[in-house]
């Protein structure tokens, strides 16, 4: 299995793992059990992975971390909005 396929599959699975949480929070407007600090730290880490992927020209890393960054940041914004 080529390395790019493994990286692509890992990126897809990690990205879609955020969707159930984002959808649930959006529908319920309930963010009480979500840690703001954890998602802020995660967002910064994912952003740095995105920058790393851009610098390395590694498309699976860039695409997956861009999508994860958007989803994690949306959780942070919902947490702040629905407090």
PDB file of N, CA and C in Angstrom:
ATOM      1  N   UNK A   1       0.853  -1.177   0.000  1.00  0.00           N
ATOM      2  CA  UNK A   1       0.000   0.000   0.000  1.00  0.00           C
ATOM      3  C   UNK A   1       0.900   1.241   0.000  1.00  0.00           C
ATOM      4  N   UNK A   2       0.771   2.107  -0.959  1.00  0.00           N
ATOM      5  CA  UNK A   2       1.624   3.299  -0.999  1.00  0.00           C
ATOM      6  C   UNK A   2       1.423   4.192   0.226  1.00  0.00           C
ATOM      7  N   UNK A   3       2.469   4.880   0.584  1.00  0.00           N
ATOM      8  CA  UNK A   3       2.456   5.751   1.761  1.00  0.00           C
ATOM      9  C   UNK A   3       1.375   6.816   1.649  1.00  0.00           C
ATOM     10  N   UNK A   4       1.161   7.358   0.448  1.00  0.00           N
ATOM     11  CA  UNK A   4       0.155   8.404   0.252  1.00  0.00           C
ATOM     12  C   UNK A   4      -1.251   7.900   0.556  1.00  0.00           C
ATOM     13  N   UNK A   5      -1.528   6.660   0.235  1.00  0.00           N
ATOM     14  CA  UNK A   5      -2.853   6.083   0.511  1.00  0.00           C
ATOM     15  C   UNK A   5      -3.051   5.948   2.021  1.00  0.00           C
ATOM     16  N   UNK A   6      -2.032   5.474   2.706  1.00  0.00           N
ATOM     17  CA  UNK A   6      -2.115   5.347   4.165  1.00  0.00           C
ATOM     18  C   UNK A   6      -2.327   6.727   4.797  1.00  0.00           C
ATOM     19  N   UNK A   7      -1.553   7.716   4.340  1.00  0.00           N
ATOM     20  CA  UNK A   7      -1.709   9.076   4.859  1.00  0.00           C
ATOM     21  C   UNK A   7      -3.078   9.646   4.558  1.00  0.00           C
ATOM     22  N   UNK A   8      -3.574   9.393   3.356  1.00  0.00           N
ATOM     23  CA  UNK A   8      -4.902   9.870   2.978  1.00  0.00           C
ATOM     24  C   UNK A   8      -5.999   9.248   3.818  1.00  0.00           C
ATOM     25  N   UNK A   9      -5.924   7.940   4.015  1.00  0.00           N
ATOM     26  CA  UNK A   9      -6.927   7.251   4.844  1.00  0.00           C
ATOM     27  C   UNK A   9      -6.868   7.729   6.292  1.00  0.00           C
ATOM     28  N   UNK A  10      -5.664   7.908   6.829  1.00  0.00           N
ATOM     29  CA  UNK A  10      -5.529   8.416   8.200  1.00  0.00           C
ATOM     30  C   UNK A  10      -6.149   9.800   8.314  1.00  0.00           C
ATOM     31  N   UNK A  11      -5.894  10.644   7.334  1.00  0.00           N
ATOM     32  CA  UNK A  11      -6.455  11.990   7.341  1.00  0.00           C
ATOM     33  C   UNK A  11      -7.968  11.994   7.262  1.00  0.00           C
ATOM     34  N   UNK A  12      -8.512  11.146   6.407  1.00  0.00           N
ATOM     35  CA  UNK A  12      -9.973  11.057   6.267  1.00  0.00           C
ATOM     36  C   UNK A  12     -10.612  10.599   7.576  1.00  0.00           C
ATOM     37  N   UNK A  13     -10.064   9.549   8.163  1.00  0.00           N
ATOM     38  CA  UNK A  13     -10.642   9.021   9.407  1.00  0.00           C
ATOM     39  C   UNK A  13     -10.532  10.022  10.554  1.00  0.00           C
ATOM     40  N   UNK A  14      -9.375  10.675  10.682  1.00  0.00           N
ATOM     41  CA  UNK A  14      -9.218  11.672  11.756  1.00  0.00           C
ATOM     42  C   UNK A  14     -10.149  12.854  11.545  1.00  0.00           C
ATOM     43  N   UNK A  15     -10.346  13.248  10.303  1.00  0.00           N
ATOM     44  CA  UNK A  15     -11.221  14.381  10.008  1.00  0.00           C
ATOM     45  C   UNK A  15     -12.673  14.050  10.301  1.00  0.00           C
ATOM     46  N   UNK A  16     -13.153  12.925   9.797  1.00  0.00           N
ATOM     47  CA  UNK A  16     -14.573  12.607   9.989  1.00  0.00           C
ATOM     48  C   UNK A  16     -14.897  12.269  11.439  1.00  0.00           C
ATOM     49  N   UNK A  17     -13.872  11.971  12.247  1.00  0.00           N
ATOM     50  CA  UNK A  17     -14.143  11.687  13.660  1.00  0.00           C
ATOM     51  C   UNK A  17     -14.692  12.917  14.389  1.00  0.00           C
ATOM     52  N   UNK A  18     -14.427  14.116  13.872  1.00  0.00           N
ATOM     53  CA  UNK A  18     -14.929  15.343  14.486  1.00  0.00           C
ATOM     54  C   UNK A  18     -16.385  15.635  14.113  1.00  0.00           C
ATOM     55  N   UNK A  19     -16.849  15.112  13.008  1.00  0.00           N
ATOM     56  CA  UNK A  19     -18.190  15.461  12.514  1.00  0.00           C
ATOM     57  C   UNK A  19     -19.320  15.158  13.492  1.00  0.00           C
ATOM     58  N   UNK A  20     -19.369  13.979  14.120  1.00  0.00           N
ATOM     59  CA  UNK A  20     -20.482  13.738  15.056  1.00  0.00           C
ATOM     60  C   UNK A  20     -20.559  14.770  16.181  1.00  0.00           C
ATOM     61  N   UNK A  21     -19.394  15.179  16.716  1.00  0.00           N
ATOM     62  CA  UNK A  21     -19.390  16.171  17.798  1.00  0.00           C
ATOM     63  C   UNK A  21     -19.855  17.531  17.300  1.00  0.00           C
ATOM     64  N   UNK A  22     -19.363  17.946  16.144  1.00  0.00           N
ATOM     65  CA  UNK A  22     -19.759  19.242  15.585  1.00  0.00           C
ATOM     66  C   UNK A  22     -21.255  19.258  15.309  1.00  0.00           C
ATOM     67  N   UNK A  23     -21.766  18.215  14.700  1.00  0.00           N
ATOM     68  CA  UNK A  23     -23.202  18.140  14.378  1.00  0.00           C
ATOM     69  C   UNK A  23     -24.039  18.142  15.650  1.00  0.00           C
ATOM     70  N   UNK A  24     -23.626  17.345  16.649  1.00  0.00           N
ATOM     71  CA  UNK A  24     -24.384  17.282  17.908  1.00  0.00           C
ATOM     72  C   UNK A  24     -24.413  18.641  18.608  1.00  0.00           C
ATOM     73  N   UNK A  25     -23.270  19.315  18.652  1.00  0.00           N
ATOM     74  CA  UNK A  25     -23.222  20.620  19.304  1.00  0.00           C
ATOM     75  C   UNK A  25     -24.051  21.645  18.539  1.00  0.00           C
ATOM     76  N   UNK A  26     -23.985  21.611  17.231  1.00  0.00           N
ATOM     77  CA  UNK A  26     -24.736  22.560  16.415  1.00  0.00           C
ATOM     78  C   UNK A  26     -26.239  22.385  16.616  1.00  0.00           C
ATOM     79  N   UNK A  27     -26.686  21.137  16.664  1.00  0.00           N
ATOM     80  CA  UNK A  27     -28.127  20.862  16.829  1.00  0.00           C
ATOM     81  C   UNK A  27     -28.614  21.179  18.236  1.00  0.00           C
ATOM     82  N   UNK A  28     -27.844  20.778  19.236  1.00  0.00           N
ATOM     83  CA  UNK A  28     -28.315  20.905  20.624  1.00  0.00           C
ATOM     84  C   UNK A  28     -27.982  22.263  21.252  1.00  0.00           C
ATOM     85  N   UNK A  29     -26.994  22.940  20.719  1.00  0.00           N
ATOM     86  CA  UNK A  29     -26.500  24.195  21.298  1.00  0.00           C
ATOM     87  C   UNK A  29     -25.964  23.982  22.713  1.00  0.00           C
ATOM     88  N   UNK A  30     -25.639  22.743  23.055  1.00  0.00           N
ATOM     89  CA  UNK A  30     -25.141  22.393  24.376  1.00  0.00           C
ATOM     90  C   UNK A  30     -23.640  22.124  24.295  1.00  0.00           C
ATOM     91  N   UNK A  31     -22.869  22.943  24.988  1.00  0.00           N
ATOM     92  CA  UNK A  31     -21.411  22.787  24.978  1.00  0.00           C
ATOM     93  C   UNK A  31     -20.855  22.615  26.386  1.00  0.00           C
ATOM     94  N   UNK A  32     -21.718  22.369  27.327  1.00  0.00           N
ATOM     95  CA  UNK A  32     -21.329  22.308  28.740  1.00  0.00           C
ATOM     96  C   UNK A  32     -20.217  21.292  29.006  1.00  0.00           C
ATOM     97  N   UNK A  33     -20.258  20.131  28.379  1.00  0.00           N
ATOM     98  CA  UNK A  33     -19.291  19.071  28.663  1.00  0.00           C
ATOM     99  C   UNK A  33     -18.045  19.116  27.780  1.00  0.00           C
ATOM    100  N   UNK A  34     -17.895  20.170  27.006  1.00  0.00           N
ATOM    101  CA  UNK A  34     -16.749  20.305  26.119  1.00  0.00           C
ATOM    102  C   UNK A  34     -15.709  21.193  26.793  1.00  0.00           C
ATOM    103  N   UNK A  35     -14.462  20.766  26.770  1.00  0.00           N
ATOM    104  CA  UNK A  35     -13.383  21.548  27.358  1.00  0.00           C
ATOM    105  C   UNK A  35     -12.878  22.578  26.342  1.00  0.00           C
ATOM    106  N   UNK A  36     -13.075  23.843  26.665  1.00  0.00           N
ATOM    107  CA  UNK A  36     -12.600  24.917  25.796  1.00  0.00           C
ATOM    108  C   UNK A  36     -11.075  24.870  25.682  1.00  0.00           C
ATOM    109  N   UNK A  37     -10.387  24.709  26.799  1.00  0.00           N
ATOM    110  CA  UNK A  37      -8.925  24.689  26.785  1.00  0.00           C
ATOM    111  C   UNK A  37      -8.401  23.559  25.894  1.00  0.00           C
ATOM    112  N   UNK A  38      -9.008  22.386  25.993  1.00  0.00           N
ATOM    113  CA  UNK A  38      -8.557  21.258  25.183  1.00  0.00           C
ATOM    114  C   UNK A  38      -8.694  21.569  23.698  1.00  0.00           C
ATOM    115  N   UNK A  39      -9.815  22.152  23.294  1.00  0.00           N
ATOM    116  CA  UNK A  39     -10.026  22.426  21.875  1.00  0.00           C
ATOM    117  C   UNK A  39      -9.205  23.618  21.381  1.00  0.00           C
ATOM    118  N   UNK A  40      -8.876  24.559  22.259  1.00  0.00           N
ATOM    119  CA  UNK A  40      -7.973  25.650  21.866  1.00  0.00           C
ATOM    120  C   UNK A  40      -6.570  25.078  21.627  1.00  0.00           C
ATOM    121  N   UNK A  41      -6.100  24.253  22.552  1.00  0.00           N
ATOM    122  CA  UNK A  41      -4.782  23.629  22.393  1.00  0.00           C
ATOM    123  C   UNK A  41      -4.764  22.754  21.145  1.00  0.00           C
ATOM    124  N   UNK A  42      -5.800  21.964  20.939  1.00  0.00           N
ATOM    125  CA  UNK A  42      -5.896  21.112  19.755  1.00  0.00           C
ATOM    126  C   UNK A  42      -5.866  21.956  18.478  1.00  0.00           C
ATOM    127  N   UNK A  43      -6.617  23.054  18.462  1.00  0.00           N
ATOM    128  CA  UNK A  43      -6.662  23.913  17.279  1.00  0.00           C
ATOM    129  C   UNK A  43      -5.292  24.483  16.947  1.00  0.00           C
ATOM    130  N   UNK A  44      -4.555  24.911  17.967  1.00  0.00           N
ATOM    131  CA  UNK A  44      -3.206  25.435  17.739  1.00  0.00           C
ATOM    132  C   UNK A  44      -2.289  24.328  17.213  1.00  0.00           C
ATOM    133  N   UNK A  45      -2.368  23.151  17.812  1.00  0.00           N
ATOM    134  CA  UNK A  45      -1.552  22.025  17.353  1.00  0.00           C
ATOM    135  C   UNK A  45      -1.857  21.625  15.923  1.00  0.00           C
ATOM    136  N   UNK A  46      -3.127  21.555  15.583  1.00  0.00           N
ATOM    137  CA  UNK A  46      -3.533  21.190  14.225  1.00  0.00           C
ATOM    138  C   UNK A  46      -3.095  22.273  13.236  1.00  0.00           C
ATOM    139  N   UNK A  47      -3.192  23.542  13.642  1.00  0.00           N
ATOM    140  CA  UNK A  47      -2.726  24.625  12.778  1.00  0.00           C
ATOM    141  C   UNK A  47      -1.234  24.475  12.493  1.00  0.00           C
ATOM    142  N   UNK A  48      -0.463  24.125  13.513  1.00  0.00           N
ATOM    143  CA  UNK A  48       0.974  23.920  13.315  1.00  0.00           C
ATOM    144  C   UNK A  48       1.245  22.729  12.396  1.00  0.00           C
ATOM    145  N   UNK A  49       0.457  21.657  12.519  1.00  0.00           N
ATOM    146  CA  UNK A  49       0.588  20.523  11.586  1.00  0.00           C
ATOM    147  C   UNK A  49       0.269  20.968  10.160  1.00  0.00           C
ATOM    148  N   UNK A  50      -0.714  21.844  10.018  1.00  0.00           N
ATOM    149  CA  UNK A  50      -1.072  22.377   8.704  1.00  0.00           C
ATOM    150  C   UNK A  50       0.101  23.155   8.115  1.00  0.00           C
ATOM    151  N   UNK A  51       0.701  24.020   8.910  1.00  0.00           N
ATOM    152  CA  UNK A  51       1.869  24.780   8.448  1.00  0.00           C
ATOM    153  C   UNK A  51       3.000  23.824   8.077  1.00  0.00           C
ATOM    154  N   UNK A  52       3.233  22.831   8.903  1.00  0.00           N
ATOM    155  CA  UNK A  52       4.259  21.815   8.630  1.00  0.00           C
ATOM    156  C   UNK A  52       3.995  21.134   7.292  1.00  0.00           C
ATOM    157  N   UNK A  53       2.744  20.729   7.066  1.00  0.00           N
ATOM    158  CA  UNK A  53       2.388  20.067   5.815  1.00  0.00           C
ATOM    159  C   UNK A  53       2.600  20.971   4.611  1.00  0.00           C
ATOM    160  N   UNK A  54       2.275  22.245   4.773  1.00  0.00           N
ATOM    161  CA  UNK A  54       2.483  23.213   3.680  1.00  0.00           C
ATOM    162  C   UNK A  54       3.975  23.339   3.384  1.00  0.00           C
ATOM    163  N   UNK A  55       4.779  23.489   4.426  1.00  0.00           N
ATOM    164  CA  UNK A  55       6.225  23.629   4.235  1.00  0.00           C
ATOM    165  C   UNK A  55       6.844  22.382   3.615  1.00  0.00           C
ATOM    166  N   UNK A  56       6.322  21.216   3.960  1.00  0.00           N
ATOM    167  CA  UNK A  56       6.835  19.951   3.421  1.00  0.00           C
ATOM    168  C   UNK A  56       6.187  19.576   2.089  1.00  0.00           C
ATOM    169  N   UNK A  57       5.162  20.349   1.696  1.00  0.00           N
ATOM    170  CA  UNK A  57       4.396  20.053   0.475  1.00  0.00           C
ATOM    171  C   UNK A  57       3.815  18.627   0.527  1.00  0.00           C
ATOM    172  N   UNK A  58       3.246  18.313   1.690  1.00  0.00           N
ATOM    173  CA  UNK A  58       2.660  16.993   1.947  1.00  0.00           C
ATOM    174  C   UNK A  58       1.145  17.143   1.930  1.00  0.00           C
ATOM    175  N   UNK A  59       0.538  16.853   0.772  1.00  0.00           N
ATOM    176  CA  UNK A  59      -0.891  17.116   0.585  1.00  0.00           C
ATOM    177  C   UNK A  59      -1.812  16.360   1.551  1.00  0.00           C
ATOM    178  N   UNK A  60      -1.576  15.074   1.871  1.00  0.00           N
ATOM    179  CA  UNK A  60      -2.457  14.442   2.861  1.00  0.00           C
ATOM    180  C   UNK A  60      -2.439  15.166   4.209  1.00  0.00           C
ATOM    181  N   UNK A  61      -1.268  15.639   4.632  1.00  0.00           N
ATOM    182  CA  UNK A  61      -1.157  16.369   5.894  1.00  0.00           C
ATOM    183  C   UNK A  61      -1.857  17.723   5.781  1.00  0.00           C
ATOM    184  N   UNK A  62      -1.669  18.406   4.660  1.00  0.00           N
ATOM    185  CA  UNK A  62      -2.293  19.714   4.461  1.00  0.00           C
ATOM    186  C   UNK A  62      -3.810  19.598   4.442  1.00  0.00           C
ATOM    187  N   UNK A  63      -4.333  18.713   3.618  1.00  0.00           N
ATOM    188  CA  UNK A  63      -5.791  18.602   3.455  1.00  0.00           C
ATOM    189  C   UNK A  63      -6.461  18.167   4.746  1.00  0.00           C
ATOM    190  N   UNK A  64      -5.942  17.119   5.375  1.00  0.00           N
ATOM    191  CA  UNK A  64      -6.601  16.623   6.589  1.00  0.00           C
ATOM    192  C   UNK A  64      -6.509  17.641   7.719  1.00  0.00           C
ATOM    193  N   UNK A  65      -5.372  18.277   7.892  1.00  0.00           N
ATOM    194  CA  UNK A  65      -5.245  19.233   8.992  1.00  0.00           C
ATOM    195  C   UNK A  65      -5.996  20.524   8.725  1.00  0.00           C
ATOM    196  N   UNK A  66      -6.145  20.911   7.475  1.00  0.00           N
ATOM    197  CA  UNK A  66      -6.985  22.075   7.162  1.00  0.00           C
ATOM    198  C   UNK A  66      -8.429  21.789   7.549  1.00  0.00           C
ATOM    199  N   UNK A  67      -8.913  20.600   7.198  1.00  0.00           N
ATOM    200  CA  UNK A  67     -10.294  20.236   7.530  1.00  0.00           C
ATOM    201  C   UNK A  67     -10.477  20.098   9.043  1.00  0.00           C
ATOM    202  N   UNK A  68      -9.530  19.439   9.709  1.00  0.00           N
ATOM    203  CA  UNK A  68      -9.624  19.280  11.163  1.00  0.00           C
ATOM    204  C   UNK A  68      -9.561  20.639  11.853  1.00  0.00           C
ATOM    205  N   UNK A  69      -8.710  21.537  11.363  1.00  0.00           N
ATOM    206  CA  UNK A  69      -8.610  22.874  11.951  1.00  0.00           C
ATOM    207  C   UNK A  69      -9.952  23.593  11.867  1.00  0.00           C
ATOM    208  N   UNK A  70     -10.604  23.512  10.735  1.00  0.00           N
ATOM    209  CA  UNK A  70     -11.915  24.159  10.569  1.00  0.00           C
ATOM    210  C   UNK A  70     -12.931  23.560  11.544  1.00  0.00           C
ATOM    211  N   UNK A  71     -12.953  22.239  11.662  1.00  0.00           N
ATOM    212  CA  UNK A  71     -13.906  21.585  12.564  1.00  0.00           C
ATOM    213  C   UNK A  71     -13.592  21.896  14.031  1.00  0.00           C
ATOM    214  N   UNK A  72     -12.318  21.826  14.416  1.00  0.00           N
ATOM    215  CA  UNK A  72     -11.945  22.112  15.808  1.00  0.00           C
ATOM    216  C   UNK A  72     -12.225  23.573  16.147  1.00  0.00           C
ATOM    217  N   UNK A  73     -11.926  24.458  15.219  1.00  0.00           N
ATOM    218  CA  UNK A  73     -12.200  25.871  15.450  1.00  0.00           C
ATOM    219  C   UNK A  73     -13.703  26.135  15.552  1.00  0.00           C
ATOM    220  N   UNK A  74     -14.493  25.409  14.785  1.00  0.00           N
ATOM    221  CA  UNK A  74     -15.947  25.580  14.890  1.00  0.00           C
ATOM    222  C   UNK A  74     -16.440  25.138  16.264  1.00  0.00           C
ATOM    223  N   UNK A  75     -15.820  24.117  16.833  1.00  0.00           N
ATOM    224  CA  UNK A  75     -16.185  23.683  18.192  1.00  0.00           C
ATOM    225  C   UNK A  75     -15.816  24.776  19.197  1.00  0.00           C
ATOM    226  N   UNK A  76     -14.638  25.365  19.052  1.00  0.00           N
ATOM    227  CA  UNK A  76     -14.218  26.462  19.938  1.00  0.00           C
ATOM    228  C   UNK A  76     -15.228  27.618  19.829  1.00  0.00           C
ATOM    229  N   UNK A  77     -15.597  27.993  18.618  1.00  0.00           N
ATOM    230  CA  UNK A  77     -16.519  29.107  18.433  1.00  0.00           C
ATOM    231  C   UNK A  77     -17.893  28.805  18.997  1.00  0.00           C
ATOM    232  N   UNK A  78     -18.387  27.564  18.816  1.00  0.00           N
ATOM    233  CA  UNK A  78     -19.680  27.191  19.403  1.00  0.00           C
ATOM    234  C   UNK A  78     -19.608  27.205  20.922  1.00  0.00           C
ATOM    235  N   UNK A  79     -18.481  26.736  21.473  1.00  0.00           N
ATOM    236  CA  UNK A  79     -18.313  26.751  22.926  1.00  0.00           C
ATOM    237  C   UNK A  79     -18.390  28.176  23.451  1.00  0.00           C
ATOM    238  N   UNK A  80     -17.770  29.115  22.768  1.00  0.00           N
ATOM    239  CA  UNK A  80     -17.819  30.510  23.187  1.00  0.00           C
ATOM    240  C   UNK A  80     -19.206  31.123  22.978  1.00  0.00           C
ATOM    241  N   UNK A  81     -19.859  30.750  21.905  1.00  0.00           N
ATOM    242  CA  UNK A  81     -21.166  31.325  21.589  1.00  0.00           C
ATOM    243  C   UNK A  81     -22.289  30.768  22.467  1.00  0.00           C
ATOM    244  N   UNK A  82     -22.303  29.489  22.715  1.00  0.00           N
ATOM    245  CA  UNK A  82     -23.402  28.840  23.429  1.00  0.00           C
ATOM    246  C   UNK A  82     -23.139  28.692  24.915  1.00  0.00           C
ATOM    247  N   UNK A  83     -22.194  29.434  25.453  1.00  0.00           N
ATOM    248  CA  UNK A  83     -21.874  29.375  26.887  1.00  0.00           C
ATOM    249  C   UNK A  83     -23.076  29.684  27.739  1.00  0.00           C
TER     250      UNK A  83
END
